[in-house]
């Protein structure tokens, strides 16, 4: 048995263990609304494709909810309902979102 196989049950348990955030416990799988705000330097379709590419790469179930533009049309926000199966996927999602050049923030 390799070292990675010996440690897998512990990693799996930690990955699916409840997580505390702002004095609230997050139990996986968790479904929530993810809002991503991006600049309008790309088209809405291109911005949306950036998000969907990440969801698909991580096998995240998602459902489009809404899109809003700022008054000056300099920002656009997309809201998706996403389901994350474990902490590792959540961490990886936010790592990949940070790589989007025109992303201002994601909640």
PDB file of N, CA and C in Angstrom:
ATOM      1  N   UNK A   1       0.857  -1.184   0.000  1.00  0.00           N
ATOM      2  CA  UNK A   1       0.000   0.000   0.000  1.00  0.00           C
ATOM      3  C   UNK A   1       0.895   1.238   0.000  1.00  0.00           C
ATOM      4  N   UNK A   2       0.626   2.167  -0.882  1.00  0.00           N
ATOM      5  CA  UNK A   2       1.433   3.386  -0.976  1.00  0.00           C
ATOM      6  C   UNK A   2       1.088   4.347   0.159  1.00  0.00           C
ATOM      7  N   UNK A   3       1.966   5.316   0.384  1.00  0.00           N
ATOM      8  CA  UNK A   3       1.720   6.319   1.427  1.00  0.00           C
ATOM      9  C   UNK A   3       0.446   7.107   1.163  1.00  0.00           C
ATOM     10  N   UNK A   4       0.185   7.407  -0.119  1.00  0.00           N
ATOM     11  CA  UNK A   4      -1.014   8.191  -0.435  1.00  0.00           C
ATOM     12  C   UNK A   4      -2.272   7.389  -0.125  1.00  0.00           C
ATOM     13  N   UNK A   5      -2.231   6.078  -0.312  1.00  0.00           N
ATOM     14  CA  UNK A   5      -3.390   5.246   0.010  1.00  0.00           C
ATOM     15  C   UNK A   5      -3.585   5.125   1.514  1.00  0.00           C
ATOM     16  N   UNK A   6      -2.490   5.075   2.271  1.00  0.00           N
ATOM     17  CA  UNK A   6      -2.588   4.976   3.731  1.00  0.00           C
ATOM     18  C   UNK A   6      -3.269   6.200   4.324  1.00  0.00           C
ATOM     19  N   UNK A   7      -3.040   7.365   3.737  1.00  0.00           N
ATOM     20  CA  UNK A   7      -3.556   8.618   4.290  1.00  0.00           C
ATOM     21  C   UNK A   7      -4.904   9.028   3.708  1.00  0.00           C
ATOM     22  N   UNK A   8      -5.370   8.349   2.711  1.00  0.00           N
ATOM     23  CA  UNK A   8      -6.604   8.749   2.040  1.00  0.00           C
ATOM     24  C   UNK A   8      -7.819   8.791   2.976  1.00  0.00           C
ATOM     25  N   UNK A   9      -8.096   7.788   3.845  1.00  0.00           N
ATOM     26  CA  UNK A   9      -9.289   7.882   4.701  1.00  0.00           C
ATOM     27  C   UNK A   9      -9.285   9.135   5.580  1.00  0.00           C
ATOM     28  N   UNK A  10      -8.134   9.506   6.109  1.00  0.00           N
ATOM     29  CA  UNK A  10      -8.053  10.712   6.931  1.00  0.00           C
ATOM     30  C   UNK A  10      -8.341  11.946   6.085  1.00  0.00           C
ATOM     31  N   UNK A  11      -7.740  12.008   4.882  1.00  0.00           N
ATOM     32  CA  UNK A  11      -7.968  13.150   3.997  1.00  0.00           C
ATOM     33  C   UNK A  11      -9.427  13.231   3.592  1.00  0.00           C
ATOM     34  N   UNK A  12     -10.033  12.091   3.280  1.00  0.00           N
ATOM     35  CA  UNK A  12     -11.448  12.078   2.911  1.00  0.00           C
ATOM     36  C   UNK A  12     -12.313  12.575   4.057  1.00  0.00           C
ATOM     37  N   UNK A  13     -12.002  12.136   5.270  1.00  0.00           N
ATOM     38  CA  UNK A  13     -12.777  12.568   6.438  1.00  0.00           C
ATOM     39  C   UNK A  13     -12.636  14.072   6.642  1.00  0.00           C
ATOM     40  N   UNK A  14     -11.424  14.591   6.500  1.00  0.00           N
ATOM     41  CA  UNK A  14     -11.208  16.031   6.668  1.00  0.00           C
ATOM     42  C   UNK A  14     -11.889  16.816   5.559  1.00  0.00           C
ATOM     43  N   UNK A  15     -11.864  16.283   4.353  1.00  0.00           N
ATOM     44  CA  UNK A  15     -12.441  16.951   3.198  1.00  0.00           C
ATOM     45  C   UNK A  15     -13.956  17.077   3.323  1.00  0.00           C
ATOM     46  N   UNK A  16     -14.599  16.103   3.942  1.00  0.00           N
ATOM     47  CA  UNK A  16     -16.049  16.109   4.077  1.00  0.00           C
ATOM     48  C   UNK A  16     -16.519  16.536   5.454  1.00  0.00           C
ATOM     49  N   UNK A  17     -15.577  16.830   6.336  1.00  0.00           N
ATOM     50  CA  UNK A  17     -15.939  17.248   7.691  1.00  0.00           C
ATOM     51  C   UNK A  17     -16.590  18.620   7.651  1.00  0.00           C
ATOM     52  N   UNK A  18     -17.478  18.885   8.604  1.00  0.00           N
ATOM     53  CA  UNK A  18     -18.075  20.231   8.670  1.00  0.00           C
ATOM     54  C   UNK A  18     -16.986  21.290   8.810  1.00  0.00           C
ATOM     55  N   UNK A  19     -17.257  22.454   8.288  1.00  0.00           N
ATOM     56  CA  UNK A  19     -16.313  23.564   8.322  1.00  0.00           C
ATOM     57  C   UNK A  19     -16.988  24.736   9.014  1.00  0.00           C
ATOM     58  N   UNK A  20     -16.245  25.478   9.817  1.00  0.00           N
ATOM     59  CA  UNK A  20     -16.816  26.631  10.501  1.00  0.00           C
ATOM     60  C   UNK A  20     -16.451  27.903   9.743  1.00  0.00           C
ATOM     61  N   UNK A  21     -17.460  28.743   9.548  1.00  0.00           N
ATOM     62  CA  UNK A  21     -17.245  30.020   8.871  1.00  0.00           C
ATOM     63  C   UNK A  21     -18.193  31.033   9.512  1.00  0.00           C
ATOM     64  N   UNK A  22     -17.630  32.110  10.048  1.00  0.00           N
ATOM     65  CA  UNK A  22     -18.443  33.146  10.705  1.00  0.00           C
ATOM     66  C   UNK A  22     -19.371  32.551  11.759  1.00  0.00           C
ATOM     67  N   UNK A  23     -18.815  31.659  12.567  1.00  0.00           N
ATOM     68  CA  UNK A  23     -19.551  30.987  13.645  1.00  0.00           C
ATOM     69  C   UNK A  23     -20.713  30.141  13.147  1.00  0.00           C
ATOM     70  N   UNK A  24     -20.690  29.763  11.885  1.00  0.00           N
ATOM     71  CA  UNK A  24     -21.691  28.850  11.343  1.00  0.00           C
ATOM     72  C   UNK A  24     -20.974  27.645  10.774  1.00  0.00           C
ATOM     73  N   UNK A  25     -21.631  26.504  10.870  1.00  0.00           N
ATOM     74  CA  UNK A  25     -21.039  25.278  10.370  1.00  0.00           C
ATOM     75  C   UNK A  25     -21.517  25.002   8.948  1.00  0.00           C
ATOM     76  N   UNK A  26     -20.576  24.667   8.078  1.00  0.00           N
ATOM     77  CA  UNK A  26     -20.906  24.303   6.706  1.00  0.00           C
ATOM     78  C   UNK A  26     -20.742  22.793   6.597  1.00  0.00           C
ATOM     79  N   UNK A  27     -21.817  22.112   6.236  1.00  0.00           N
ATOM     80  CA  UNK A  27     -21.779  20.669   6.024  1.00  0.00           C
ATOM     81  C   UNK A  27     -21.859  20.398   4.534  1.00  0.00           C
ATOM     82  N   UNK A  28     -21.015  19.489   4.081  1.00  0.00           N
ATOM     83  CA  UNK A  28     -20.980  19.130   2.657  1.00  0.00           C
ATOM     84  C   UNK A  28     -21.786  17.870   2.431  1.00  0.00           C
ATOM     85  N   UNK A  29     -22.433  17.771   1.274  1.00  0.00           N
ATOM     86  CA  UNK A  29     -22.489  18.760   0.194  1.00  0.00           C
ATOM     87  C   UNK A  29     -23.297  19.984   0.607  1.00  0.00           C
ATOM     88  N   UNK A  30     -22.949  21.116   0.004  1.00  0.00           N
ATOM     89  CA  UNK A  30     -23.617  22.377   0.306  1.00  0.00           C
ATOM     90  C   UNK A  30     -24.038  23.043  -1.007  1.00  0.00           C
ATOM     91  N   UNK A  31     -25.238  23.602  -1.009  1.00  0.00           N
ATOM     92  CA  UNK A  31     -25.744  24.344  -2.167  1.00  0.00           C
ATOM     93  C   UNK A  31     -25.952  25.789  -1.740  1.00  0.00           C
ATOM     94  N   UNK A  32     -25.446  26.713  -2.530  1.00  0.00           N
ATOM     95  CA  UNK A  32     -25.587  28.136  -2.205  1.00  0.00           C
ATOM     96  C   UNK A  32     -25.543  28.958  -3.482  1.00  0.00           C
ATOM     97  N   UNK A  33     -25.867  30.217  -3.346  1.00  0.00           N
ATOM     98  CA  UNK A  33     -25.809  31.139  -4.496  1.00  0.00           C
ATOM     99  C   UNK A  33     -24.457  31.822  -4.518  1.00  0.00           C
ATOM    100  N   UNK A  34     -23.757  31.634  -5.611  1.00  0.00           N
ATOM    101  CA  UNK A  34     -22.446  32.229  -5.830  1.00  0.00           C
ATOM    102  C   UNK A  34     -22.638  33.445  -6.722  1.00  0.00           C
ATOM    103  N   UNK A  35     -22.165  34.582  -6.249  1.00  0.00           N
ATOM    104  CA  UNK A  35     -22.241  35.809  -7.043  1.00  0.00           C
ATOM    105  C   UNK A  35     -20.826  36.202  -7.432  1.00  0.00           C
ATOM    106  N   UNK A  36     -20.613  36.356  -8.735  1.00  0.00           N
ATOM    107  CA  UNK A  36     -19.305  36.761  -9.254  1.00  0.00           C
ATOM    108  C   UNK A  36     -19.459  38.094  -9.963  1.00  0.00           C
ATOM    109  N   UNK A  37     -18.624  39.051  -9.586  1.00  0.00           N
ATOM    110  CA  UNK A  37     -18.649  40.386 -10.194  1.00  0.00           C
ATOM    111  C   UNK A  37     -17.390  40.532 -11.040  1.00  0.00           C
ATOM    112  N   UNK A  38     -17.605  40.860 -12.300  1.00  0.00           N
ATOM    113  CA  UNK A  38     -16.510  40.990 -13.254  1.00  0.00           C
ATOM    114  C   UNK A  38     -16.589  42.333 -13.956  1.00  0.00           C
ATOM    115  N   UNK A  39     -15.454  42.797 -14.463  1.00  0.00           N
ATOM    116  CA  UNK A  39     -15.472  44.010 -15.277  1.00  0.00           C
ATOM    117  C   UNK A  39     -16.072  43.657 -16.630  1.00  0.00           C
ATOM    118  N   UNK A  40     -16.507  44.660 -17.342  1.00  0.00           N
ATOM    119  CA  UNK A  40     -17.118  44.438 -18.664  1.00  0.00           C
ATOM    120  C   UNK A  40     -16.099  44.562 -19.786  1.00  0.00           C
ATOM    121  N   UNK A  41     -14.825  44.307 -19.464  1.00  0.00           N
ATOM    122  CA  UNK A  41     -13.794  44.347 -20.508  1.00  0.00           C
ATOM    123  C   UNK A  41     -13.986  43.213 -21.519  1.00  0.00           C
ATOM    124  N   UNK A  42     -14.738  42.173 -21.117  1.00  0.00           N
ATOM    125  CA  UNK A  42     -15.117  41.092 -22.020  1.00  0.00           C
ATOM    126  C   UNK A  42     -16.631  41.140 -22.201  1.00  0.00           C
ATOM    127  N   UNK A  43     -17.131  40.440 -23.199  1.00  0.00           N
ATOM    128  CA  UNK A  43     -18.573  40.392 -23.394  1.00  0.00           C
ATOM    129  C   UNK A  43     -19.207  39.572 -22.272  1.00  0.00           C
ATOM    130  N   UNK A  44     -20.509  39.716 -22.109  1.00  0.00           N
ATOM    131  CA  UNK A  44     -21.223  38.925 -21.105  1.00  0.00           C
ATOM    132  C   UNK A  44     -21.047  37.434 -21.370  1.00  0.00           C
ATOM    133  N   UNK A  45     -21.108  37.059 -22.621  1.00  0.00           N
ATOM    134  CA  UNK A  45     -20.948  35.639 -22.986  1.00  0.00           C
ATOM    135  C   UNK A  45     -19.565  35.136 -22.593  1.00  0.00           C
ATOM    136  N   UNK A  46     -18.533  35.927 -22.877  1.00  0.00           N
ATOM    137  CA  UNK A  46     -17.167  35.526 -22.518  1.00  0.00           C
ATOM    138  C   UNK A  46     -17.003  35.436 -20.998  1.00  0.00           C
ATOM    139  N   UNK A  47     -17.577  36.395 -20.279  1.00  0.00           N
ATOM    140  CA  UNK A  47     -17.504  36.352 -18.816  1.00  0.00           C
ATOM    141  C   UNK A  47     -18.202  35.106 -18.272  1.00  0.00           C
ATOM    142  N   UNK A  48     -19.377  34.843 -18.815  1.00  0.00           N
ATOM    143  CA  UNK A  48     -20.138  33.676 -18.372  1.00  0.00           C
ATOM    144  C   UNK A  48     -19.385  32.384 -18.690  1.00  0.00           C
ATOM    145  N   UNK A  49     -18.767  32.321 -19.857  1.00  0.00           N
ATOM    146  CA  UNK A  49     -18.006  31.132 -20.247  1.00  0.00           C
ATOM    147  C   UNK A  49     -16.836  30.872 -19.303  1.00  0.00           C
ATOM    148  N   UNK A  50     -16.212  31.937 -18.805  1.00  0.00           N
ATOM    149  CA  UNK A  50     -15.115  31.756 -17.858  1.00  0.00           C
ATOM    150  C   UNK A  50     -15.596  31.030 -16.600  1.00  0.00           C
ATOM    151  N   UNK A  51     -16.757  31.431 -16.110  1.00  0.00           N
ATOM    152  CA  UNK A  51     -17.312  30.814 -14.907  1.00  0.00           C
ATOM    153  C   UNK A  51     -17.736  29.371 -15.173  1.00  0.00           C
ATOM    154  N   UNK A  52     -18.437  29.155 -16.260  1.00  0.00           N
ATOM    155  CA  UNK A  52     -18.942  27.818 -16.590  1.00  0.00           C
ATOM    156  C   UNK A  52     -17.793  26.846 -16.825  1.00  0.00           C
ATOM    157  N   UNK A  53     -16.718  27.318 -17.428  1.00  0.00           N
ATOM    158  CA  UNK A  53     -15.545  26.466 -17.648  1.00  0.00           C
ATOM    159  C   UNK A  53     -15.008  25.946 -16.321  1.00  0.00           C
ATOM    160  N   UNK A  54     -14.973  26.807 -15.322  1.00  0.00           N
ATOM    161  CA  UNK A  54     -14.504  26.392 -13.995  1.00  0.00           C
ATOM    162  C   UNK A  54     -15.474  25.394 -13.374  1.00  0.00           C
ATOM    163  N   UNK A  55     -16.760  25.696 -13.443  1.00  0.00           N
ATOM    164  CA  UNK A  55     -17.752  24.766 -12.876  1.00  0.00           C
ATOM    165  C   UNK A  55     -17.610  23.388 -13.513  1.00  0.00           C
ATOM    166  N   UNK A  56     -17.485  23.357 -14.819  1.00  0.00           N
ATOM    167  CA  UNK A  56     -17.381  22.076 -15.520  1.00  0.00           C
ATOM    168  C   UNK A  56     -16.084  21.350 -15.190  1.00  0.00           C
ATOM    169  N   UNK A  57     -14.983  22.080 -15.101  1.00  0.00           N
ATOM    170  CA  UNK A  57     -13.689  21.466 -14.787  1.00  0.00           C
ATOM    171  C   UNK A  57     -13.709  20.787 -13.426  1.00  0.00           C
ATOM    172  N   UNK A  58     -14.486  21.344 -12.502  1.00  0.00           N
ATOM    173  CA  UNK A  58     -14.551  20.797 -11.140  1.00  0.00           C
ATOM    174  C   UNK A  58     -15.783  19.909 -10.920  1.00  0.00           C
ATOM    175  N   UNK A  59     -16.524  19.652 -11.994  1.00  0.00           N
ATOM    176  CA  UNK A  59     -17.755  18.852 -11.899  1.00  0.00           C
ATOM    177  C   UNK A  59     -18.726  19.419 -10.870  1.00  0.00           C
ATOM    178  N   UNK A  60     -18.871  20.733 -10.891  1.00  0.00           N
ATOM    179  CA  UNK A  60     -19.791  21.422  -9.982  1.00  0.00           C
ATOM    180  C   UNK A  60     -21.137  21.561 -10.677  1.00  0.00           C
ATOM    181  N   UNK A  61     -22.184  21.113  -9.996  1.00  0.00           N
ATOM    182  CA  UNK A  61     -23.538  21.328 -10.524  1.00  0.00           C
ATOM    183  C   UNK A  61     -23.865  22.798 -10.339  1.00  0.00           C
ATOM    184  N   UNK A  62     -24.433  23.407 -11.364  1.00  0.00           N
ATOM    185  CA  UNK A  62     -24.757  24.831 -11.289  1.00  0.00           C
ATOM    186  C   UNK A  62     -26.056  25.117 -12.010  1.00  0.00           C
ATOM    187  N   UNK A  63     -26.676  26.207 -11.594  1.00  0.00           N
ATOM    188  CA  UNK A  63     -27.906  26.669 -12.220  1.00  0.00           C
ATOM    189  C   UNK A  63     -27.833  28.190 -12.296  1.00  0.00           C
ATOM    190  N   UNK A  64     -27.933  28.716 -13.503  1.00  0.00           N
ATOM    191  CA  UNK A  64     -27.910  30.169 -13.710  1.00  0.00           C
ATOM    192  C   UNK A  64     -29.123  30.791 -13.026  1.00  0.00           C
ATOM    193  N   UNK A  65     -28.903  31.884 -12.291  1.00  0.00           N
ATOM    194  CA  UNK A  65     -30.001  32.569 -11.607  1.00  0.00           C
ATOM    195  C   UNK A  65     -30.244  33.979 -12.140  1.00  0.00           C
ATOM    196  N   UNK A  66     -29.175  34.770 -12.297  1.00  0.00           N
ATOM    197  CA  UNK A  66     -29.401  36.145 -12.741  1.00  0.00           C
ATOM    198  C   UNK A  66     -28.116  36.804 -13.211  1.00  0.00           C
ATOM    199  N   UNK A  67     -28.321  37.943 -13.890  1.00  0.00           N
ATOM    200  CA  UNK A  67     -27.219  38.798 -14.346  1.00  0.00           C
ATOM    201  C   UNK A  67     -27.656  40.238 -14.126  1.00  0.00           C
ATOM    202  N   UNK A  68     -26.753  41.046 -13.583  1.00  0.00           N
ATOM    203  CA  UNK A  68     -27.031  42.473 -13.387  1.00  0.00           C
ATOM    204  C   UNK A  68     -25.820  43.281 -13.816  1.00  0.00           C
ATOM    205  N   UNK A  69     -26.092  44.454 -14.380  1.00  0.00           N
ATOM    206  CA  UNK A  69     -25.014  45.370 -14.766  1.00  0.00           C
ATOM    207  C   UNK A  69     -25.039  46.586 -13.855  1.00  0.00           C
ATOM    208  N   UNK A  70     -23.856  47.158 -13.642  1.00  0.00           N
ATOM    209  CA  UNK A  70     -23.776  48.383 -12.867  1.00  0.00           C
ATOM    210  C   UNK A  70     -24.358  49.541 -13.676  1.00  0.00           C
ATOM    211  N   UNK A  71     -24.656  50.635 -13.002  1.00  0.00           N
ATOM    212  CA  UNK A  71     -25.241  51.806 -13.693  1.00  0.00           C
ATOM    213  C   UNK A  71     -24.375  52.300 -14.835  1.00  0.00           C
ATOM    214  N   UNK A  72     -23.073  52.281 -14.599  1.00  0.00           N
ATOM    215  CA  UNK A  72     -22.148  52.782 -15.618  1.00  0.00           C
ATOM    216  C   UNK A  72     -21.742  51.703 -16.617  1.00  0.00           C
ATOM    217  N   UNK A  73     -22.304  50.518 -16.490  1.00  0.00           N
ATOM    218  CA  UNK A  73     -21.949  49.378 -17.345  1.00  0.00           C
ATOM    219  C   UNK A  73     -20.476  48.996 -17.258  1.00  0.00           C
ATOM    220  N   UNK A  74     -19.836  49.291 -16.153  1.00  0.00           N
ATOM    221  CA  UNK A  74     -18.429  48.913 -16.013  1.00  0.00           C
ATOM    222  C   UNK A  74     -18.259  47.556 -15.330  1.00  0.00           C
ATOM    223  N   UNK A  75     -19.312  47.079 -14.653  1.00  0.00           N
ATOM    224  CA  UNK A  75     -19.279  45.773 -13.981  1.00  0.00           C
ATOM    225  C   UNK A  75     -20.536  44.995 -14.317  1.00  0.00           C
ATOM    226  N   UNK A  76     -20.390  43.674 -14.302  1.00  0.00           N
ATOM    227  CA  UNK A  76     -21.531  42.786 -14.476  1.00  0.00           C
ATOM    228  C   UNK A  76     -21.425  41.700 -13.403  1.00  0.00           C
ATOM    229  N   UNK A  77     -22.555  41.356 -12.819  1.00  0.00           N
ATOM    230  CA  UNK A  77     -22.553  40.276 -11.831  1.00  0.00           C
ATOM    231  C   UNK A  77     -23.399  39.125 -12.351  1.00  0.00           C
ATOM    232  N   UNK A  78     -22.913  37.933 -12.106  1.00  0.00           N
ATOM    233  CA  UNK A  78     -23.632  36.711 -12.439  1.00  0.00           C
ATOM    234  C   UNK A  78     -23.889  35.959 -11.146  1.00  0.00           C
ATOM    235  N   UNK A  79     -25.094  35.470 -10.988  1.00  0.00           N
ATOM    236  CA  UNK A  79     -25.428  34.665  -9.824  1.00  0.00           C
ATOM    237  C   UNK A  79     -25.801  33.270 -10.303  1.00  0.00           C
ATOM    238  N   UNK A  80     -25.147  32.283  -9.699  1.00  0.00           N
ATOM    239  CA  UNK A  80     -25.402  30.874  -9.989  1.00  0.00           C
ATOM    240  C   UNK A  80     -25.667  30.146  -8.679  1.00  0.00           C
ATOM    241  N   UNK A  81     -26.579  29.212  -8.733  1.00  0.00           N
ATOM    242  CA  UNK A  81     -26.752  28.298  -7.611  1.00  0.00           C
ATOM    243  C   UNK A  81     -25.798  27.127  -7.875  1.00  0.00           C
ATOM    244  N   UNK A  82     -24.886  26.877  -6.940  1.00  0.00           N
ATOM    245  CA  UNK A  82     -23.889  25.824  -7.114  1.00  0.00           C
ATOM    246  C   UNK A  82     -23.974  24.827  -5.960  1.00  0.00           C
ATOM    247  N   UNK A  83     -23.598  23.600  -6.255  1.00  0.00           N
ATOM    248  CA  UNK A  83     -23.526  22.560  -5.230  1.00  0.00           C
ATOM    249  C   UNK A  83     -22.091  22.060  -5.171  1.00  0.00           C
ATOM    250  N   UNK A  84     -21.511  22.186  -3.982  1.00  0.00           N
ATOM    251  CA  UNK A  84     -20.139  21.723  -3.757  1.00  0.00           C
ATOM    252  C   UNK A  84     -20.193  20.484  -2.875  1.00  0.00           C
ATOM    253  N   UNK A  85     -19.518  19.431  -3.314  1.00  0.00           N
ATOM    254  CA  UNK A  85     -19.580  18.162  -2.591  1.00  0.00           C
ATOM    255  C   UNK A  85     -18.600  18.053  -1.435  1.00  0.00           C
ATOM    256  N   UNK A  86     -17.547  18.866  -1.457  1.00  0.00           N
ATOM    257  CA  UNK A  86     -16.551  18.756  -0.391  1.00  0.00           C
ATOM    258  C   UNK A  86     -15.725  20.037  -0.289  1.00  0.00           C
ATOM    259  N   UNK A  87     -14.968  20.120   0.771  1.00  0.00           N
ATOM    260  CA  UNK A  87     -14.143  21.302   1.047  1.00  0.00           C
ATOM    261  C   UNK A  87     -13.076  21.498  -0.018  1.00  0.00           C
ATOM    262  N   UNK A  88     -12.484  20.413  -0.483  1.00  0.00           N
ATOM    263  CA  UNK A  88     -11.431  20.510  -1.501  1.00  0.00           C
ATOM    264  C   UNK A  88     -11.965  21.184  -2.764  1.00  0.00           C
ATOM    265  N   UNK A  89     -13.165  20.819  -3.180  1.00  0.00           N
ATOM    266  CA  UNK A  89     -13.766  21.439  -4.361  1.00  0.00           C
ATOM    267  C   UNK A  89     -14.030  22.917  -4.109  1.00  0.00           C
ATOM    268  N   UNK A  90     -14.499  23.253  -2.911  1.00  0.00           N
ATOM    269  CA  UNK A  90     -14.738  24.656  -2.583  1.00  0.00           C
ATOM    270  C   UNK A  90     -13.438  25.455  -2.647  1.00  0.00           C
ATOM    271  N   UNK A  91     -12.391  24.927  -2.056  1.00  0.00           N
ATOM    272  CA  UNK A  91     -11.103  25.620  -2.079  1.00  0.00           C
ATOM    273  C   UNK A  91     -10.590  25.785  -3.504  1.00  0.00           C
ATOM    274  N   UNK A  92     -10.710  24.741  -4.303  1.00  0.00           N
ATOM    275  CA  UNK A  92     -10.233  24.791  -5.685  1.00  0.00           C
ATOM    276  C   UNK A  92     -11.066  25.772  -6.513  1.00  0.00           C
ATOM    277  N   UNK A  93     -12.377  25.809  -6.265  1.00  0.00           N
ATOM    278  CA  UNK A  93     -13.244  26.762  -6.970  1.00  0.00           C
ATOM    279  C   UNK A  93     -12.735  28.183  -6.765  1.00  0.00           C
ATOM    280  N   UNK A  94     -12.485  28.564  -5.518  1.00  0.00           N
ATOM    281  CA  UNK A  94     -12.052  29.935  -5.257  1.00  0.00           C
ATOM    282  C   UNK A  94     -10.637  30.193  -5.769  1.00  0.00           C
ATOM    283  N   UNK A  95      -9.785  29.171  -5.771  1.00  0.00           N
ATOM    284  CA  UNK A  95      -8.455  29.331  -6.361  1.00  0.00           C
ATOM    285  C   UNK A  95      -8.570  29.655  -7.852  1.00  0.00           C
ATOM    286  N   UNK A  96      -9.416  28.907  -8.551  1.00  0.00           N
ATOM    287  CA  UNK A  96      -9.577  29.123  -9.990  1.00  0.00           C
ATOM    288  C   UNK A  96     -10.283  30.446 -10.290  1.00  0.00           C
ATOM    289  N   UNK A  97     -11.246  30.825  -9.463  1.00  0.00           N
ATOM    290  CA  UNK A  97     -11.907  32.113  -9.673  1.00  0.00           C
ATOM    291  C   UNK A  97     -10.905  33.260  -9.564  1.00  0.00           C
ATOM    292  N   UNK A  98      -9.955  33.159  -8.646  1.00  0.00           N
ATOM    293  CA  UNK A  98      -8.936  34.201  -8.478  1.00  0.00           C
ATOM    294  C   UNK A  98      -8.082  34.376  -9.729  1.00  0.00           C
ATOM    295  N   UNK A  99      -8.014  33.340 -10.560  1.00  0.00           N
ATOM    296  CA  UNK A  99      -7.206  33.407 -11.778  1.00  0.00           C
ATOM    297  C   UNK A  99      -7.901  34.156 -12.911  1.00  0.00           C
ATOM    298  N   UNK A 100      -9.185  34.442 -12.771  1.00  0.00           N
ATOM    299  CA  UNK A 100      -9.895  35.204 -13.799  1.00  0.00           C
ATOM    300  C   UNK A 100      -9.446  36.654 -13.687  1.00  0.00           C
ATOM    301  N   UNK A 101      -8.802  37.136 -14.729  1.00  0.00           N
ATOM    302  CA  UNK A 101      -8.170  38.456 -14.703  1.00  0.00           C
ATOM    303  C   UNK A 101      -9.142  39.594 -14.408  1.00  0.00           C
ATOM    304  N   UNK A 102     -10.352  39.521 -14.958  1.00  0.00           N
ATOM    305  CA  UNK A 102     -11.282  40.634 -14.788  1.00  0.00           C
ATOM    306  C   UNK A 102     -12.308  40.386 -13.676  1.00  0.00           C
ATOM    307  N   UNK A 103     -12.061  39.387 -12.823  1.00  0.00           N
ATOM    308  CA  UNK A 103     -12.941  39.148 -11.682  1.00  0.00           C
ATOM    309  C   UNK A 103     -12.640  40.159 -10.585  1.00  0.00           C
ATOM    310  N   UNK A 104     -13.656  40.857 -10.109  1.00  0.00           N
ATOM    311  CA  UNK A 104     -13.468  41.805  -9.008  1.00  0.00           C
ATOM    312  C   UNK A 104     -13.622  41.089  -7.673  1.00  0.00           C
ATOM    313  N   UNK A 105     -14.687  40.284  -7.537  1.00  0.00           N
ATOM    314  CA  UNK A 105     -14.863  39.455  -6.344  1.00  0.00           C
ATOM    315  C   UNK A 105     -15.929  38.411  -6.588  1.00  0.00           C
ATOM    316  N   UNK A 106     -15.923  37.405  -5.710  1.00  0.00           N
ATOM    317  CA  UNK A 106     -16.934  36.340  -5.769  1.00  0.00           C
ATOM    318  C   UNK A 106     -17.314  36.004  -4.341  1.00  0.00           C
ATOM    319  N   UNK A 107     -18.608  35.923  -4.099  1.00  0.00           N
ATOM    320  CA  UNK A 107     -19.131  35.591  -2.771  1.00  0.00           C
ATOM    321  C   UNK A 107     -19.924  34.306  -2.861  1.00  0.00           C
TER     322      UNK A 107
END
